[in-house]
């Protein structure tokens, strides 16, 4: 991705891309192995153009990369980007667990 995003912009792009079930499925497929956009489109009951738009959203978020091989566009998933999503979720969980621990402490002090 050529544009450097701020952390919050990156999070918005990643989670926005993952908010759609078709995009999550496309990502699962390309994480399992490189596929052409034509192969991906054949798996869905929608137009090639619609699948291509989903691929573009995933690419802009940095979750997949495309390369040309002759006339084909091949897509592959970016494992590091998926790990960054997991890391963001881990951070949120840590905050949440800290708040729960604080509530537990407050409740135990009241008794």
PDB file of N, CA and C in Angstrom:
ATOM      1  N   UNK A   1       0.843  -1.162   0.000  1.00  0.00           N
ATOM      2  CA  UNK A   1       0.000   0.000   0.000  1.00  0.00           C
ATOM      3  C   UNK A   1       0.895   1.234   0.000  1.00  0.00           C
ATOM      4  N   UNK A   2       0.720   2.111  -0.932  1.00  0.00           N
ATOM      5  CA  UNK A   2       1.645   3.225  -1.082  1.00  0.00           C
ATOM      6  C   UNK A   2       1.341   4.381  -0.140  1.00  0.00           C
ATOM      7  N   UNK A   3       0.106   4.512   0.310  1.00  0.00           N
ATOM      8  CA  UNK A   3      -0.256   5.603   1.202  1.00  0.00           C
ATOM      9  C   UNK A   3      -0.081   5.144   2.644  1.00  0.00           C
ATOM     10  N   UNK A   4       0.662   5.917   3.418  1.00  0.00           N
ATOM     11  CA  UNK A   4       0.852   5.589   4.823  1.00  0.00           C
ATOM     12  C   UNK A   4      -0.349   6.124   5.593  1.00  0.00           C
ATOM     13  N   UNK A   5      -1.025   5.231   6.295  1.00  0.00           N
ATOM     14  CA  UNK A   5      -2.215   5.624   7.045  1.00  0.00           C
ATOM     15  C   UNK A   5      -1.881   5.807   8.516  1.00  0.00           C
ATOM     16  N   UNK A   6      -2.618   6.654   9.171  1.00  0.00           N
ATOM     17  CA  UNK A   6      -2.543   6.743  10.620  1.00  0.00           C
ATOM     18  C   UNK A   6      -3.174   5.480  11.190  1.00  0.00           C
ATOM     19  N   UNK A   7      -2.856   5.143  12.421  1.00  0.00           N
ATOM     20  CA  UNK A   7      -3.325   3.904  13.038  1.00  0.00           C
ATOM     21  C   UNK A   7      -4.848   3.797  13.020  1.00  0.00           C
ATOM     22  N   UNK A   8      -5.546   4.876  13.331  1.00  0.00           N
ATOM     23  CA  UNK A   8      -7.007   4.820  13.370  1.00  0.00           C
ATOM     24  C   UNK A   8      -7.590   4.690  11.965  1.00  0.00           C
ATOM     25  N   UNK A   9      -6.987   5.360  10.992  1.00  0.00           N
ATOM     26  CA  UNK A   9      -7.448   5.224   9.607  1.00  0.00           C
ATOM     27  C   UNK A   9      -7.247   3.790   9.125  1.00  0.00           C
ATOM     28  N   UNK A  10      -6.127   3.215   9.495  1.00  0.00           N
ATOM     29  CA  UNK A  10      -5.830   1.824   9.127  1.00  0.00           C
ATOM     30  C   UNK A  10      -6.852   0.884   9.759  1.00  0.00           C
ATOM     31  N   UNK A  11      -7.142   1.104  11.035  1.00  0.00           N
ATOM     32  CA  UNK A  11      -8.142   0.275  11.717  1.00  0.00           C
ATOM     33  C   UNK A  11      -9.501   0.402  11.036  1.00  0.00           C
ATOM     34  N   UNK A  12      -9.887   1.623  10.677  1.00  0.00           N
ATOM     35  CA  UNK A  12     -11.163   1.824   9.985  1.00  0.00           C
ATOM     36  C   UNK A  12     -11.198   1.070   8.662  1.00  0.00           C
ATOM     37  N   UNK A  13     -10.100   1.135   7.916  1.00  0.00           N
ATOM     38  CA  UNK A  13     -10.036   0.448   6.620  1.00  0.00           C
ATOM     39  C   UNK A  13     -10.110  -1.068   6.803  1.00  0.00           C
ATOM     40  N   UNK A  14      -9.360  -1.585   7.762  1.00  0.00           N
ATOM     41  CA  UNK A  14      -9.355  -3.033   7.993  1.00  0.00           C
ATOM     42  C   UNK A  14     -10.716  -3.534   8.441  1.00  0.00           C
ATOM     43  N   UNK A  15     -11.278  -2.905   9.473  1.00  0.00           N
ATOM     44  CA  UNK A  15     -12.555  -3.377   9.989  1.00  0.00           C
ATOM     45  C   UNK A  15     -13.699  -3.089   9.023  1.00  0.00           C
ATOM     46  N   UNK A  16     -13.607  -1.996   8.284  1.00  0.00           N
ATOM     47  CA  UNK A  16     -14.617  -1.721   7.257  1.00  0.00           C
ATOM     48  C   UNK A  16     -14.613  -2.791   6.177  1.00  0.00           C
ATOM     49  N   UNK A  17     -13.423  -3.193   5.762  1.00  0.00           N
ATOM     50  CA  UNK A  17     -13.311  -4.240   4.745  1.00  0.00           C
ATOM     51  C   UNK A  17     -13.847  -5.565   5.262  1.00  0.00           C
ATOM     52  N   UNK A  18     -13.594  -5.838   6.530  1.00  0.00           N
ATOM     53  CA  UNK A  18     -14.023  -7.112   7.118  1.00  0.00           C
ATOM     54  C   UNK A  18     -15.487  -7.112   7.548  1.00  0.00           C
ATOM     55  N   UNK A  19     -16.148  -5.969   7.459  1.00  0.00           N
ATOM     56  CA  UNK A  19     -17.542  -5.870   7.892  1.00  0.00           C
ATOM     57  C   UNK A  19     -18.505  -6.604   6.958  1.00  0.00           C
ATOM     58  N   UNK A  20     -18.055  -6.909   5.761  1.00  0.00           N
ATOM     59  CA  UNK A  20     -18.910  -7.557   4.767  1.00  0.00           C
ATOM     60  C   UNK A  20     -18.605  -9.050   4.682  1.00  0.00           C
ATOM     61  N   UNK A  21     -19.645  -9.878   4.713  1.00  0.00           N
ATOM     62  CA  UNK A  21     -19.431 -11.338   4.721  1.00  0.00           C
ATOM     63  C   UNK A  21     -18.798 -11.836   3.428  1.00  0.00           C
ATOM     64  N   UNK A  22     -19.141 -11.245   2.294  1.00  0.00           N
ATOM     65  CA  UNK A  22     -18.526 -11.679   1.031  1.00  0.00           C
ATOM     66  C   UNK A  22     -17.034 -11.387   1.052  1.00  0.00           C
ATOM     67  N   UNK A  23     -16.659 -10.214   1.546  1.00  0.00           N
ATOM     68  CA  UNK A  23     -15.232  -9.885   1.614  1.00  0.00           C
ATOM     69  C   UNK A  23     -14.493 -10.804   2.576  1.00  0.00           C
ATOM     70  N   UNK A  24     -15.134 -11.141   3.708  1.00  0.00           N
ATOM     71  CA  UNK A  24     -14.486 -12.083   4.629  1.00  0.00           C
ATOM     72  C   UNK A  24     -14.281 -13.430   3.951  1.00  0.00           C
ATOM     73  N   UNK A  25     -15.254 -13.866   3.166  1.00  0.00           N
ATOM     74  CA  UNK A  25     -15.123 -15.142   2.467  1.00  0.00           C
ATOM     75  C   UNK A  25     -14.034 -15.079   1.396  1.00  0.00           C
ATOM     76  N   UNK A  26     -13.989 -13.990   0.658  1.00  0.00           N
ATOM     77  CA  UNK A  26     -12.931 -13.812  -0.343  1.00  0.00           C
ATOM     78  C   UNK A  26     -11.572 -13.861   0.352  1.00  0.00           C
ATOM     79  N   UNK A  27     -11.451 -13.176   1.485  1.00  0.00           N
ATOM     80  CA  UNK A  27     -10.185 -13.177   2.210  1.00  0.00           C
ATOM     81  C   UNK A  27      -9.806 -14.585   2.648  1.00  0.00           C
ATOM     82  N   UNK A  28     -10.761 -15.351   3.154  1.00  0.00           N
ATOM     83  CA  UNK A  28     -10.464 -16.748   3.535  1.00  0.00           C
ATOM     84  C   UNK A  28      -9.938 -17.534   2.339  1.00  0.00           C
ATOM     85  N   UNK A  29     -10.548 -17.332   1.202  1.00  0.00           N
ATOM     86  CA  UNK A  29     -10.136 -18.071   0.000  1.00  0.00           C
ATOM     87  C   UNK A  29      -8.714 -17.712  -0.432  1.00  0.00           C
ATOM     88  N   UNK A  30      -8.389 -16.418  -0.413  1.00  0.00           N
ATOM     89  CA  UNK A  30      -7.058 -16.019  -0.890  1.00  0.00           C
ATOM     90  C   UNK A  30      -5.979 -16.242   0.165  1.00  0.00           C
ATOM     91  N   UNK A  31      -6.381 -16.365   1.430  1.00  0.00           N
ATOM     92  CA  UNK A  31      -5.404 -16.751   2.451  1.00  0.00           C
ATOM     93  C   UNK A  31      -5.042 -18.224   2.301  1.00  0.00           C
ATOM     94  N   UNK A  32      -5.994 -19.026   1.820  1.00  0.00           N
ATOM     95  CA  UNK A  32      -5.744 -20.458   1.613  1.00  0.00           C
ATOM     96  C   UNK A  32      -4.848 -20.698   0.403  1.00  0.00           C
ATOM     97  N   UNK A  33      -4.852 -19.768  -0.536  1.00  0.00           N
ATOM     98  CA  UNK A  33      -4.018 -19.902  -1.726  1.00  0.00           C
ATOM     99  C   UNK A  33      -4.380 -18.856  -2.760  1.00  0.00           C
ATOM    100  N   UNK A  34      -3.409 -18.486  -3.543  1.00  0.00           N
ATOM    101  CA  UNK A  34      -3.611 -17.479  -4.588  1.00  0.00           C
ATOM    102  C   UNK A  34      -4.696 -17.937  -5.557  1.00  0.00           C
ATOM    103  N   UNK A  35      -5.574 -17.008  -5.913  1.00  0.00           N
ATOM    104  CA  UNK A  35      -6.639 -17.299  -6.873  1.00  0.00           C
ATOM    105  C   UNK A  35      -6.784 -16.131  -7.830  1.00  0.00           C
ATOM    106  N   UNK A  36      -7.228 -16.444  -9.013  1.00  0.00           N
ATOM    107  CA  UNK A  36      -7.506 -15.364  -9.957  1.00  0.00           C
ATOM    108  C   UNK A  36      -8.833 -14.720  -9.566  1.00  0.00           C
ATOM    109  N   UNK A  37      -8.992 -13.474  -9.939  1.00  0.00           N
ATOM    110  CA  UNK A  37     -10.233 -12.771  -9.648  1.00  0.00           C
ATOM    111  C   UNK A  37     -11.383 -13.461 -10.385  1.00  0.00           C
ATOM    112  N   UNK A  38     -11.113 -14.016 -11.550  1.00  0.00           N
ATOM    113  CA  UNK A  38     -12.134 -14.762 -12.296  1.00  0.00           C
ATOM    114  C   UNK A  38     -12.574 -15.992 -11.514  1.00  0.00           C
ATOM    115  N   UNK A  39     -11.627 -16.723 -10.924  1.00  0.00           N
ATOM    116  CA  UNK A  39     -11.968 -17.885 -10.087  1.00  0.00           C
ATOM    117  C   UNK A  39     -12.801 -17.456  -8.889  1.00  0.00           C
ATOM    118  N   UNK A  40     -12.415 -16.362  -8.284  1.00  0.00           N
ATOM    119  CA  UNK A  40     -13.174 -15.862  -7.141  1.00  0.00           C
ATOM    120  C   UNK A  40     -14.597 -15.519  -7.553  1.00  0.00           C
ATOM    121  N   UNK A  41     -14.729 -14.824  -8.672  1.00  0.00           N
ATOM    122  CA  UNK A  41     -16.056 -14.397  -9.131  1.00  0.00           C
ATOM    123  C   UNK A  41     -16.971 -15.585  -9.413  1.00  0.00           C
ATOM    124  N   UNK A  42     -16.404 -16.684  -9.874  1.00  0.00           N
ATOM    125  CA  UNK A  42     -17.205 -17.871 -10.188  1.00  0.00           C
ATOM    126  C   UNK A  42     -17.834 -18.485  -8.939  1.00  0.00           C
ATOM    127  N   UNK A  43     -17.268 -18.178  -7.777  1.00  0.00           N
ATOM    128  CA  UNK A  43     -17.758 -18.769  -6.530  1.00  0.00           C
ATOM    129  C   UNK A  43     -18.977 -18.040  -5.962  1.00  0.00           C
ATOM    130  N   UNK A  44     -19.360 -16.912  -6.547  1.00  0.00           N
ATOM    131  CA  UNK A  44     -20.431 -16.092  -5.981  1.00  0.00           C
ATOM    132  C   UNK A  44     -21.543 -15.860  -6.986  1.00  0.00           C
ATOM    133  N   UNK A  45     -22.725 -15.688  -6.450  1.00  0.00           N
ATOM    134  CA  UNK A  45     -23.897 -15.421  -7.281  1.00  0.00           C
ATOM    135  C   UNK A  45     -24.048 -13.908  -7.445  1.00  0.00           C
ATOM    136  N   UNK A  46     -23.036 -13.306  -8.060  1.00  0.00           N
ATOM    137  CA  UNK A  46     -23.045 -11.869  -8.344  1.00  0.00           C
ATOM    138  C   UNK A  46     -22.160 -11.637  -9.556  1.00  0.00           C
ATOM    139  N   UNK A  47     -22.211 -10.464 -10.083  1.00  0.00           N
ATOM    140  CA  UNK A  47     -21.441 -10.168 -11.287  1.00  0.00           C
ATOM    141  C   UNK A  47     -19.942 -10.131 -10.992  1.00  0.00           C
ATOM    142  N   UNK A  48     -19.170 -10.304 -12.049  1.00  0.00           N
ATOM    143  CA  UNK A  48     -17.707 -10.185 -11.930  1.00  0.00           C
ATOM    144  C   UNK A  48     -17.352  -8.808 -11.381  1.00  0.00           C
ATOM    145  N   UNK A  49     -18.031  -7.771 -11.884  1.00  0.00           N
ATOM    146  CA  UNK A  49     -17.744  -6.397 -11.449  1.00  0.00           C
ATOM    147  C   UNK A  49     -17.986  -6.227  -9.949  1.00  0.00           C
ATOM    148  N   UNK A  50     -19.020  -6.857  -9.422  1.00  0.00           N
ATOM    149  CA  UNK A  50     -19.312  -6.757  -7.987  1.00  0.00           C
ATOM    150  C   UNK A  50     -18.209  -7.431  -7.169  1.00  0.00           C
ATOM    151  N   UNK A  51     -17.760  -8.604  -7.613  1.00  0.00           N
ATOM    152  CA  UNK A  51     -16.674  -9.292  -6.912  1.00  0.00           C
ATOM    153  C   UNK A  51     -15.398  -8.458  -7.009  1.00  0.00           C
ATOM    154  N   UNK A  52     -15.149  -7.906  -8.166  1.00  0.00           N
ATOM    155  CA  UNK A  52     -13.965  -7.063  -8.364  1.00  0.00           C
ATOM    156  C   UNK A  52     -13.982  -5.884  -7.389  1.00  0.00           C
ATOM    157  N   UNK A  53     -15.154  -5.299  -7.154  1.00  0.00           N
ATOM    158  CA  UNK A  53     -15.253  -4.180  -6.204  1.00  0.00           C
ATOM    159  C   UNK A  53     -14.900  -4.641  -4.789  1.00  0.00           C
ATOM    160  N   UNK A  54     -15.361  -5.835  -4.413  1.00  0.00           N
ATOM    161  CA  UNK A  54     -15.003  -6.379  -3.098  1.00  0.00           C
ATOM    162  C   UNK A  54     -13.489  -6.590  -2.987  1.00  0.00           C
ATOM    163  N   UNK A  55     -12.898  -7.089  -4.045  1.00  0.00           N
ATOM    164  CA  UNK A  55     -11.450  -7.316  -4.065  1.00  0.00           C
ATOM    165  C   UNK A  55     -10.704  -5.987  -3.907  1.00  0.00           C
ATOM    166  N   UNK A  56     -11.198  -4.954  -4.559  1.00  0.00           N
ATOM    167  CA  UNK A  56     -10.562  -3.632  -4.462  1.00  0.00           C
ATOM    168  C   UNK A  56     -10.618  -3.113  -3.024  1.00  0.00           C
ATOM    169  N   UNK A  57     -11.747  -3.301  -2.350  1.00  0.00           N
ATOM    170  CA  UNK A  57     -11.867  -2.856  -0.957  1.00  0.00           C
ATOM    171  C   UNK A  57     -10.841  -3.587  -0.085  1.00  0.00           C
ATOM    172  N   UNK A  58     -10.725  -4.892  -0.273  1.00  0.00           N
ATOM    173  CA  UNK A  58      -9.747  -5.682   0.486  1.00  0.00           C
ATOM    174  C   UNK A  58      -8.323  -5.257   0.166  1.00  0.00           C
ATOM    175  N   UNK A  59      -8.077  -4.951  -1.101  1.00  0.00           N
ATOM    176  CA  UNK A  59      -6.736  -4.516  -1.513  1.00  0.00           C
ATOM    177  C   UNK A  59      -6.398  -3.153  -0.905  1.00  0.00           C
ATOM    178  N   UNK A  60      -7.332  -2.226  -0.942  1.00  0.00           N
ATOM    179  CA  UNK A  60      -7.092  -0.893  -0.371  1.00  0.00           C
ATOM    180  C   UNK A  60      -6.839  -0.961   1.135  1.00  0.00           C
ATOM    181  N   UNK A  61      -7.490  -1.928   1.786  1.00  0.00           N
ATOM    182  CA  UNK A  61      -7.276  -2.108   3.229  1.00  0.00           C
ATOM    183  C   UNK A  61      -5.959  -2.814   3.515  1.00  0.00           C
ATOM    184  N   UNK A  62      -5.327  -3.352   2.476  1.00  0.00           N
ATOM    185  CA  UNK A  62      -4.058  -4.043   2.646  1.00  0.00           C
ATOM    186  C   UNK A  62      -4.209  -5.499   3.044  1.00  0.00           C
ATOM    187  N   UNK A  63      -5.423  -6.035   2.944  1.00  0.00           N
ATOM    188  CA  UNK A  63      -5.662  -7.421   3.338  1.00  0.00           C
ATOM    189  C   UNK A  63      -5.332  -8.416   2.237  1.00  0.00           C
ATOM    190  N   UNK A  64      -5.292  -7.943   1.007  1.00  0.00           N
ATOM    191  CA  UNK A  64      -4.862  -8.812  -0.096  1.00  0.00           C
ATOM    192  C   UNK A  64      -4.070  -8.005  -1.093  1.00  0.00           C
ATOM    193  N   UNK A  65      -3.321  -8.730  -1.894  1.00  0.00           N
ATOM    194  CA  UNK A  65      -2.503  -8.108  -2.937  1.00  0.00           C
ATOM    195  C   UNK A  65      -2.840  -8.777  -4.257  1.00  0.00           C
ATOM    196  N   UNK A  66      -2.815  -7.981  -5.316  1.00  0.00           N
ATOM    197  CA  UNK A  66      -3.035  -8.520  -6.659  1.00  0.00           C
ATOM    198  C   UNK A  66      -1.756  -8.382  -7.464  1.00  0.00           C
ATOM    199  N   UNK A  67      -1.587  -9.323  -8.356  1.00  0.00           N
ATOM    200  CA  UNK A  67      -0.485  -9.227  -9.314  1.00  0.00           C
ATOM    201  C   UNK A  67      -1.008  -9.744 -10.649  1.00  0.00           C
ATOM    202  N   UNK A  68      -0.399  -9.273 -11.691  1.00  0.00           N
ATOM    203  CA  UNK A  68      -0.781  -9.713 -13.036  1.00  0.00           C
ATOM    204  C   UNK A  68       0.116 -10.854 -13.480  1.00  0.00           C
ATOM    205  N   UNK A  69      -0.518 -11.824 -14.100  1.00  0.00           N
ATOM    206  CA  UNK A  69       0.217 -12.898 -14.773  1.00  0.00           C
ATOM    207  C   UNK A  69      -0.473 -13.066 -16.121  1.00  0.00           C
ATOM    208  N   UNK A  70       0.145 -12.494 -17.126  1.00  0.00           N
ATOM    209  CA  UNK A  70      -0.505 -12.480 -18.436  1.00  0.00           C
ATOM    210  C   UNK A  70      -1.775 -11.667 -18.373  1.00  0.00           C
ATOM    211  N   UNK A  71      -2.880 -12.279 -18.734  1.00  0.00           N
ATOM    212  CA  UNK A  71      -4.174 -11.590 -18.705  1.00  0.00           C
ATOM    213  C   UNK A  71      -4.904 -11.761 -17.375  1.00  0.00           C
ATOM    214  N   UNK A  72      -4.355 -12.580 -16.506  1.00  0.00           N
ATOM    215  CA  UNK A  72      -5.028 -12.855 -15.241  1.00  0.00           C
ATOM    216  C   UNK A  72      -4.571 -11.902 -14.134  1.00  0.00           C
ATOM    217  N   UNK A  73      -5.509 -11.577 -13.270  1.00  0.00           N
ATOM    218  CA  UNK A  73      -5.198 -10.869 -12.034  1.00  0.00           C
ATOM    219  C   UNK A  73      -5.260 -11.902 -10.920  1.00  0.00           C
ATOM    220  N   UNK A  74      -4.141 -12.115 -10.249  1.00  0.00           N
ATOM    221  CA  UNK A  74      -4.086 -13.102  -9.179  1.00  0.00           C
ATOM    222  C   UNK A  74      -4.098 -12.387  -7.836  1.00  0.00           C
ATOM    223  N   UNK A  75      -4.908 -12.900  -6.929  1.00  0.00           N
ATOM    224  CA  UNK A  75      -5.044 -12.296  -5.609  1.00  0.00           C
ATOM    225  C   UNK A  75      -4.522 -13.251  -4.551  1.00  0.00           C
ATOM    226  N   UNK A  76      -3.814 -12.696  -3.580  1.00  0.00           N
ATOM    227  CA  UNK A  76      -3.344 -13.494  -2.450  1.00  0.00           C
ATOM    228  C   UNK A  76      -3.543 -12.682  -1.176  1.00  0.00           C
ATOM    229  N   UNK A  77      -3.811 -13.398  -0.097  1.00  0.00           N
ATOM    230  CA  UNK A  77      -4.054 -12.744   1.184  1.00  0.00           C
ATOM    231  C   UNK A  77      -2.759 -12.325   1.855  1.00  0.00           C
ATOM    232  N   UNK A  78      -2.843 -11.293   2.670  1.00  0.00           N
ATOM    233  CA  UNK A  78      -1.695 -10.802   3.424  1.00  0.00           C
ATOM    234  C   UNK A  78      -1.848 -11.234   4.880  1.00  0.00           C
ATOM    235  N   UNK A  79      -1.101 -12.253   5.264  1.00  0.00           N
ATOM    236  CA  UNK A  79      -1.193 -12.810   6.610  1.00  0.00           C
ATOM    237  C   UNK A  79      -0.813 -11.770   7.662  1.00  0.00           C
ATOM    238  N   UNK A  80       0.176 -10.941   7.364  1.00  0.00           N
ATOM    239  CA  UNK A  80       0.599  -9.909   8.322  1.00  0.00           C
ATOM    240  C   UNK A  80      -0.539  -8.931   8.614  1.00  0.00           C
ATOM    241  N   UNK A  81      -1.295  -8.569   7.592  1.00  0.00           N
ATOM    242  CA  UNK A  81      -2.420  -7.649   7.801  1.00  0.00           C
ATOM    243  C   UNK A  81      -3.476  -8.300   8.683  1.00  0.00           C
ATOM    244  N   UNK A  82      -3.725  -9.578   8.477  1.00  0.00           N
ATOM    245  CA  UNK A  82      -4.694 -10.295   9.315  1.00  0.00           C
ATOM    246  C   UNK A  82      -4.184 -10.351  10.750  1.00  0.00           C
ATOM    247  N   UNK A  83      -2.892 -10.567  10.917  1.00  0.00           N
ATOM    248  CA  UNK A  83      -2.307 -10.570  12.264  1.00  0.00           C
ATOM    249  C   UNK A  83      -2.450  -9.204  12.930  1.00  0.00           C
ATOM    250  N   UNK A  84      -2.356  -8.135  12.151  1.00  0.00           N
ATOM    251  CA  UNK A  84      -2.507  -6.803  12.736  1.00  0.00           C
ATOM    252  C   UNK A  84      -3.937  -6.593  13.229  1.00  0.00           C
ATOM    253  N   UNK A  85      -4.914  -7.153  12.521  1.00  0.00           N
ATOM    254  CA  UNK A  85      -6.306  -7.092  12.977  1.00  0.00           C
ATOM    255  C   UNK A  85      -6.429  -7.843  14.304  1.00  0.00           C
ATOM    256  N   UNK A  86      -5.854  -9.032  14.363  1.00  0.00           N
ATOM    257  CA  UNK A  86      -5.898  -9.823  15.599  1.00  0.00           C
ATOM    258  C   UNK A  86      -5.237  -9.064  16.744  1.00  0.00           C
ATOM    259  N   UNK A  87      -4.144  -8.389  16.456  1.00  0.00           N
ATOM    260  CA  UNK A  87      -3.434  -7.620  17.479  1.00  0.00           C
ATOM    261  C   UNK A  87      -4.309  -6.478  18.001  1.00  0.00           C
ATOM    262  N   UNK A  88      -4.999  -5.799  17.085  1.00  0.00           N
ATOM    263  CA  UNK A  88      -5.895  -4.714  17.502  1.00  0.00           C
ATOM    264  C   UNK A  88      -7.001  -5.251  18.403  1.00  0.00           C
ATOM    265  N   UNK A  89      -7.546  -6.398  18.048  1.00  0.00           N
ATOM    266  CA  UNK A  89      -8.605  -7.003  18.862  1.00  0.00           C
ATOM    267  C   UNK A  89      -8.060  -7.434  20.228  1.00  0.00           C
ATOM    268  N   UNK A  90      -6.841  -7.935  20.247  1.00  0.00           N
ATOM    269  CA  UNK A  90      -6.209  -8.315  21.519  1.00  0.00           C
ATOM    270  C   UNK A  90      -6.060  -7.098  22.436  1.00  0.00           C
ATOM    271  N   UNK A  91      -5.670  -5.955  21.859  1.00  0.00           N
ATOM    272  CA  UNK A  91      -5.531  -4.730  22.652  1.00  0.00           C
ATOM    273  C   UNK A  91      -6.869  -4.315  23.247  1.00  0.00           C
ATOM    274  N   UNK A  92      -7.927  -4.389  22.430  1.00  0.00           N
ATOM    275  CA  UNK A  92      -9.257  -4.036  22.924  1.00  0.00           C
ATOM    276  C   UNK A  92      -9.711  -4.995  24.016  1.00  0.00           C
ATOM    277  N   UNK A  93      -9.415  -6.269  23.841  1.00  0.00           N
ATOM    278  CA  UNK A  93      -9.776  -7.260  24.857  1.00  0.00           C
ATOM    279  C   UNK A  93      -9.038  -6.985  26.169  1.00  0.00           C
ATOM    280  N   UNK A  94      -7.774  -6.599  26.081  1.00  0.00           N
ATOM    281  CA  UNK A  94      -6.992  -6.299  27.278  1.00  0.00           C
ATOM    282  C   UNK A  94      -7.604  -5.130  28.048  1.00  0.00           C
ATOM    283  N   UNK A  95      -8.028  -4.112  27.321  1.00  0.00           N
ATOM    284  CA  UNK A  95      -8.685  -2.963  27.957  1.00  0.00           C
ATOM    285  C   UNK A  95      -9.976  -3.423  28.631  1.00  0.00           C
ATOM    286  N   UNK A  96     -10.752  -4.207  27.917  1.00  0.00           N
ATOM    287  CA  UNK A  96     -12.026  -4.699  28.425  1.00  0.00           C
ATOM    288  C   UNK A  96     -11.816  -5.545  29.676  1.00  0.00           C
ATOM    289  N   UNK A  97     -10.853  -6.442  29.629  1.00  0.00           N
ATOM    290  CA  UNK A  97     -10.572  -7.294  30.792  1.00  0.00           C
ATOM    291  C   UNK A  97     -10.095  -6.458  31.989  1.00  0.00           C
ATOM    292  N   UNK A  98      -9.336  -5.402  31.726  1.00  0.00           N
ATOM    293  CA  UNK A  98      -8.905  -4.504  32.792  1.00  0.00           C
ATOM    294  C   UNK A  98     -10.084  -3.819  33.453  1.00  0.00           C
ATOM    295  N   UNK A  99     -11.036  -3.412  32.667  1.00  0.00           N
ATOM    296  CA  UNK A  99     -12.227  -2.773  33.226  1.00  0.00           C
ATOM    297  C   UNK A  99     -13.051  -3.762  34.043  1.00  0.00           C
ATOM    298  N   UNK A 100     -13.159  -4.978  33.568  1.00  0.00           N
ATOM    299  CA  UNK A 100     -13.883  -6.014  34.312  1.00  0.00           C
ATOM    300  C   UNK A 100     -13.187  -6.273  35.652  1.00  0.00           C
ATOM    301  N   UNK A 101     -11.861  -6.331  35.621  1.00  0.00           N
ATOM    302  CA  UNK A 101     -11.095  -6.543  36.862  1.00  0.00           C
ATOM    303  C   UNK A 101     -11.349  -5.396  37.838  1.00  0.00           C
ATOM    304  N   UNK A 102     -11.408  -4.168  37.326  1.00  0.00           N
ATOM    305  CA  UNK A 102     -11.689  -3.012  38.187  1.00  0.00           C
ATOM    306  C   UNK A 102     -13.073  -3.117  38.811  1.00  0.00           C
ATOM    307  N   UNK A 103     -14.042  -3.547  38.046  1.00  0.00           N
ATOM    308  CA  UNK A 103     -15.397  -3.725  38.561  1.00  0.00           C
ATOM    309  C   UNK A 103     -15.402  -4.806  39.635  1.00  0.00           C
ATOM    310  N   UNK A 104     -14.715  -5.900  39.372  1.00  0.00           N
ATOM    311  CA  UNK A 104     -14.615  -6.991  40.369  1.00  0.00           C
ATOM    312  C   UNK A 104     -13.996  -6.476  41.664  1.00  0.00           C
ATOM    313  N   UNK A 105     -12.945  -5.660  41.558  1.00  0.00           N
ATOM    314  CA  UNK A 105     -12.298  -5.090  42.741  1.00  0.00           C
ATOM    315  C   UNK A 105     -13.263  -4.199  43.527  1.00  0.00           C
ATOM    316  N   UNK A 106     -13.996  -3.358  42.803  1.00  0.00           N
ATOM    317  CA  UNK A 106     -14.952  -2.473  43.462  1.00  0.00           C
ATOM    318  C   UNK A 106     -16.042  -3.273  44.177  1.00  0.00           C
ATOM    319  N   UNK A 107     -16.539  -4.306  43.524  1.00  0.00           N
ATOM    320  CA  UNK A 107     -17.600  -5.124  44.116  1.00  0.00           C
ATOM    321  C   UNK A 107     -17.101  -5.878  45.355  1.00  0.00           C
ATOM    322  N   UNK A 108     -15.879  -6.376  45.297  1.00  0.00           N
ATOM    323  CA  UNK A 108     -15.336  -7.114  46.447  1.00  0.00           C
ATOM    324  C   UNK A 108     -15.081  -6.186  47.632  1.00  0.00           C
ATOM    325  N   UNK A 109     -14.770  -4.915  47.388  1.00  0.00           N
ATOM    326  CA  UNK A 109     -14.551  -3.958  48.461  1.00  0.00           C
ATOM    327  C   UNK A 109     -15.862  -3.560  49.149  1.00  0.00           C
ATOM    328  N   UNK A 110     -16.971  -3.646  48.419  1.00  0.00           N
ATOM    329  CA  UNK A 110     -18.272  -3.283  48.992  1.00  0.00           C
ATOM    330  C   UNK A 110     -18.781  -4.348  49.941  1.00  0.00           C
ATOM    331  N   UNK A 111     -18.307  -5.559  49.829  1.00  0.00           N
ATOM    332  CA  UNK A 111     -18.809  -6.639  50.683  1.00  0.00           C
ATOM    333  C   UNK A 111     -17.963  -6.776  51.858  1.00  0.00           C
TER     334      UNK A 111
END
